[in-house]
Amino acid sequence: MERSHVEGTWQKDRSFSPAVITEGAGKTIWLAGHGGFVDDNGRSIAGDFDAQTRQSFANLEATLSQAGATLADMVTMTVFIIDARFGDRFTDIRKEFYPDGHYPGSALITCAGFAKTEMMVEIQGIAVIGGE
């Protein structure tokens, strides 16, 4: 499958692409929201935005792996954060997971709360793999 990214201008600083274009048949993976208010050892990371963001990405990676994909296969993500003041921090952390600068399309939304009161961030998205 051929994939290209619309680079944009200011979007690169915010670690997202204005558009990702895929061509050819492939498999689409529709990802549910992934949060991370406990680490891989089951310890609470409530109140630690950075740790929850990294854990959310780790949880996404685990799900994508089960589907035969990686974070690099994500074409879009919708990110929900509990406080708009965490927006820049989220952007910086996301860059760690996309070091090549090929970011998925994205929306960053501040919300009033999550299913678990400990949650500070949740990421859902779409990945595309395979094809011609």
C-alpha atoms as a PDB file:
ATOM      1  CA  MET A   1       0.000   0.000   0.000  1.00  0.00           C
ATOM      2  CA  GLU A   2       1.279   3.414  -0.905  1.00  0.00           C
ATOM      3  CA  ARG A   3       1.083   6.055   1.809  1.00  0.00           C
ATOM      4  CA  SER A   4       1.906   9.742   1.647  1.00  0.00           C
ATOM      5  CA  HIS A   5       1.661  12.591   4.129  1.00  0.00           C
ATOM      6  CA  VAL A   6       0.586  16.132   3.479  1.00  0.00           C
ATOM      7  CA  GLU A   7       3.318  17.988   5.341  1.00  0.00           C
ATOM      8  CA  GLY A   8       1.527  21.238   6.055  1.00  0.00           C
ATOM      9  CA  THR A   9       3.380  24.079   7.737  1.00  0.00           C
ATOM     10  CA  TRP A  10       2.667  24.682  11.424  1.00  0.00           C
ATOM     11  CA  GLN A  11       1.227  21.164  11.860  1.00  0.00           C
ATOM     12  CA  LYS A  12       4.692  19.542  11.987  1.00  0.00           C
ATOM     13  CA  ASP A  13       5.503  21.533  15.147  1.00  0.00           C
ATOM     14  CA  ARG A  14       2.301  20.127  16.671  1.00  0.00           C
ATOM     15  CA  SER A  15       3.288  16.543  15.621  1.00  0.00           C
ATOM     16  CA  PHE A  16       0.443  15.776  13.240  1.00  0.00           C
ATOM     17  CA  SER A  17      -0.169  15.700   9.508  1.00  0.00           C
ATOM     18  CA  PRO A  18      -3.068  17.643   8.016  1.00  0.00           C
ATOM     19  CA  ALA A  19      -3.781  14.561   5.888  1.00  0.00           C
ATOM     20  CA  VAL A  20      -2.504  11.038   5.279  1.00  0.00           C
ATOM     21  CA  ILE A  21      -3.258   9.491   1.901  1.00  0.00           C
ATOM     22  CA  THR A  22      -3.375   5.730   1.380  1.00  0.00           C
ATOM     23  CA  GLU A  23      -3.738   4.002  -1.983  1.00  0.00           C
ATOM     24  CA  GLY A  24      -4.350   0.347  -2.751  1.00  0.00           C
ATOM     25  CA  ALA A  25      -6.295  -2.299  -0.925  1.00  0.00           C
ATOM     26  CA  GLY A  26      -5.408  -2.836   2.681  1.00  0.00           C
ATOM     27  CA  LYS A  27      -6.746  -3.773   6.054  1.00  0.00           C
ATOM     28  CA  THR A  28      -8.249  -1.019   8.197  1.00  0.00           C
ATOM     29  CA  ILE A  29      -7.907  -1.258  11.965  1.00  0.00           C
ATOM     30  CA  TRP A  30     -10.417   0.819  13.909  1.00  0.00           C
ATOM     31  CA  LEU A  31      -8.919   1.438  17.345  1.00  0.00           C
ATOM     32  CA  ALA A  32     -11.068   2.012  20.408  1.00  0.00           C
ATOM     33  CA  GLY A  33      -9.992   4.642  22.901  1.00  0.00           C
ATOM     34  CA  HIS A  34      -6.823   3.660  24.766  1.00  0.00           C
ATOM     35  CA  GLY A  35      -5.907   5.246  28.073  1.00  0.00           C
ATOM     36  CA  GLY A  36      -3.381   4.315  30.682  1.00  0.00           C
ATOM     37  CA  PHE A  37      -4.025   5.163  34.314  1.00  0.00           C
ATOM     38  CA  VAL A  38      -2.013   2.158  35.538  1.00  0.00           C
ATOM     39  CA  ASP A  39       1.424   1.088  34.312  1.00  0.00           C
ATOM     40  CA  ASP A  40       2.346  -2.348  32.960  1.00  0.00           C
ATOM     41  CA  ASN A  41       2.858  -3.565  36.545  1.00  0.00           C
ATOM     42  CA  GLY A  42      -0.613  -2.458  37.645  1.00  0.00           C
ATOM     43  CA  ARG A  43       0.642   0.531  39.663  1.00  0.00           C
ATOM     44  CA  SER A  44      -1.479   3.663  39.586  1.00  0.00           C
ATOM     45  CA  ILE A  45      -0.143   6.576  37.560  1.00  0.00           C
ATOM     46  CA  ALA A  46      -3.112   8.797  38.428  1.00  0.00           C
ATOM     47  CA  GLY A  47      -2.183  12.467  38.282  1.00  0.00           C
ATOM     48  CA  ASP A  48       0.901  11.913  36.069  1.00  0.00           C
ATOM     49  CA  PHE A  49      -0.001  13.174  32.592  1.00  0.00           C
ATOM     50  CA  ASP A  50       3.341  12.267  31.011  1.00  0.00           C
ATOM     51  CA  ALA A  51       3.248   8.708  32.331  1.00  0.00           C
ATOM     52  CA  GLN A  52      -0.389   8.263  31.274  1.00  0.00           C
ATOM     53  CA  THR A  53       0.346   9.542  27.773  1.00  0.00           C
ATOM     54  CA  ARG A  54       3.302   7.188  27.347  1.00  0.00           C
ATOM     55  CA  GLN A  55       1.238   4.299  28.754  1.00  0.00           C
ATOM     56  CA  SER A  56      -1.607   5.120  26.360  1.00  0.00           C
ATOM     57  CA  PHE A  57       0.826   4.871  23.453  1.00  0.00           C
ATOM     58  CA  ALA A  58       2.231   1.617  24.866  1.00  0.00           C
ATOM     59  CA  ASN A  59      -1.302   0.217  25.122  1.00  0.00           C
ATOM     60  CA  LEU A  60      -2.005   1.282  21.527  1.00  0.00           C
ATOM     61  CA  GLU A  61       1.227  -0.390  20.406  1.00  0.00           C
ATOM     62  CA  ALA A  62       0.167  -3.632  22.108  1.00  0.00           C
ATOM     63  CA  THR A  63      -3.242  -3.630  20.424  1.00  0.00           C
ATOM     64  CA  LEU A  64      -1.770  -2.744  17.046  1.00  0.00           C
ATOM     65  CA  SER A  65       0.786  -5.535  17.405  1.00  0.00           C
ATOM     66  CA  GLN A  66      -2.027  -8.053  17.910  1.00  0.00           C
ATOM     67  CA  ALA A  67      -3.516  -6.792  14.638  1.00  0.00           C
ATOM     68  CA  GLY A  68      -0.169  -7.025  12.812  1.00  0.00           C
ATOM     69  CA  ALA A  69       0.424  -3.269  12.824  1.00  0.00           C
ATOM     70  CA  THR A  70       2.512  -0.582  14.514  1.00  0.00           C
ATOM     71  CA  LEU A  71       2.019   3.037  15.530  1.00  0.00           C
ATOM     72  CA  ALA A  72       3.552   3.988  12.166  1.00  0.00           C
ATOM     73  CA  ASP A  73       0.484   2.436  10.488  1.00  0.00           C
ATOM     74  CA  MET A  74      -1.900   4.882  12.155  1.00  0.00           C
ATOM     75  CA  VAL A  75      -3.398   7.281   9.638  1.00  0.00           C
ATOM     76  CA  THR A  76      -5.434   9.306  12.129  1.00  0.00           C
ATOM     77  CA  MET A  77      -5.896   9.647  15.869  1.00  0.00           C
ATOM     78  CA  THR A  78      -8.322  11.531  18.043  1.00  0.00           C
ATOM     79  CA  VAL A  79      -6.800  12.564  21.354  1.00  0.00           C
ATOM     80  CA  PHE A  80      -8.840  13.552  24.374  1.00  0.00           C
ATOM     81  CA  ILE A  81      -7.131  15.350  27.265  1.00  0.00           C
ATOM     82  CA  ILE A  82      -8.561  16.449  30.596  1.00  0.00           C
ATOM     83  CA  ASP A  83      -7.000  19.930  30.562  1.00  0.00           C
ATOM     84  CA  ALA A  84      -6.034  22.127  27.617  1.00  0.00           C
ATOM     85  CA  ARG A  85      -2.855  23.097  29.459  1.00  0.00           C
ATOM     86  CA  PHE A  86      -1.533  19.590  28.677  1.00  0.00           C
ATOM     87  CA  GLY A  87      -1.828  20.106  24.896  1.00  0.00           C
ATOM     88  CA  ASP A  88       1.764  21.195  24.318  1.00  0.00           C
ATOM     89  CA  ARG A  89       3.047  18.418  26.575  1.00  0.00           C
ATOM     90  CA  PHE A  90       1.060  15.820  24.625  1.00  0.00           C
ATOM     91  CA  THR A  91       2.511  17.162  21.377  1.00  0.00           C
ATOM     92  CA  ASP A  92       6.067  16.829  22.702  1.00  0.00           C
ATOM     93  CA  ILE A  93       5.498  13.272  23.931  1.00  0.00           C
ATOM     94  CA  ARG A  94       3.866  12.189  20.651  1.00  0.00           C
ATOM     95  CA  LYS A  95       7.044  13.251  18.831  1.00  0.00           C
ATOM     96  CA  GLU A  96       8.898  10.543  20.817  1.00  0.00           C
ATOM     97  CA  PHE A  97       6.692   7.898  19.171  1.00  0.00           C
ATOM     98  CA  TYR A  98       7.030   9.313  15.622  1.00  0.00           C
ATOM     99  CA  PRO A  99      10.728  10.194  15.359  1.00  0.00           C
ATOM    100  CA  ASP A 100      10.636  10.150  11.540  1.00  0.00           C
ATOM    101  CA  GLY A 101       8.129  13.021  11.547  1.00  0.00           C
ATOM    102  CA  HIS A 102       5.494  11.021   9.619  1.00  0.00           C
ATOM    103  CA  TYR A 103       2.614  11.831  11.917  1.00  0.00           C
ATOM    104  CA  PRO A 104      -0.968  10.632  11.619  1.00  0.00           C
ATOM    105  CA  GLY A 105      -3.734  13.133  11.070  1.00  0.00           C
ATOM    106  CA  SER A 106      -5.065  14.193  14.458  1.00  0.00           C
ATOM    107  CA  ALA A 107      -7.545  16.116  16.529  1.00  0.00           C
ATOM    108  CA  LEU A 108      -6.751  17.189  20.098  1.00  0.00           C
ATOM    109  CA  ILE A 109      -9.870  17.710  22.198  1.00  0.00           C
ATOM    110  CA  THR A 110     -10.253  18.842  25.784  1.00  0.00           C
ATOM    111  CA  CYS A 111     -13.049  17.044  27.607  1.00  0.00           C
ATOM    112  CA  ALA A 112     -14.698  17.282  31.012  1.00  0.00           C
ATOM    113  CA  GLY A 113     -13.969  13.710  32.081  1.00  0.00           C
ATOM    114  CA  PHE A 114     -13.430  10.050  31.231  1.00  0.00           C
ATOM    115  CA  ALA A 115     -14.918   6.679  32.147  1.00  0.00           C
ATOM    116  CA  LYS A 116     -12.395   6.422  35.006  1.00  0.00           C
ATOM    117  CA  THR A 117     -11.795   9.494  37.151  1.00  0.00           C
ATOM    118  CA  GLU A 118      -8.035   8.757  37.232  1.00  0.00           C
ATOM    119  CA  MET A 119      -7.712   9.144  33.463  1.00  0.00           C
ATOM    120  CA  MET A 120      -6.135  12.262  31.991  1.00  0.00           C
ATOM    121  CA  VAL A 121      -5.742  11.217  28.338  1.00  0.00           C
ATOM    122  CA  GLU A 122      -7.335   8.812  25.864  1.00  0.00           C
ATOM    123  CA  ILE A 123      -6.330   8.103  22.262  1.00  0.00           C
ATOM    124  CA  GLN A 124      -8.402   6.411  19.568  1.00  0.00           C
ATOM    125  CA  GLY A 125      -7.546   6.050  15.932  1.00  0.00           C
ATOM    126  CA  ILE A 126      -7.447   4.258  12.623  1.00  0.00           C
ATOM    127  CA  ALA A 127      -4.529   2.287  11.176  1.00  0.00           C
ATOM    128  CA  VAL A 128      -4.168   0.852   7.671  1.00  0.00           C
ATOM    129  CA  ILE A 129      -1.866  -2.057   6.778  1.00  0.00           C
ATOM    130  CA  GLY A 130      -1.170  -4.279   3.805  1.00  0.00           C
ATOM    131  CA  GLY A 131      -2.385  -3.715   0.312  1.00  0.00           C
ATOM    132  CA  GLU A 132      -0.585  -3.337  -2.984  1.00  0.00           C
END
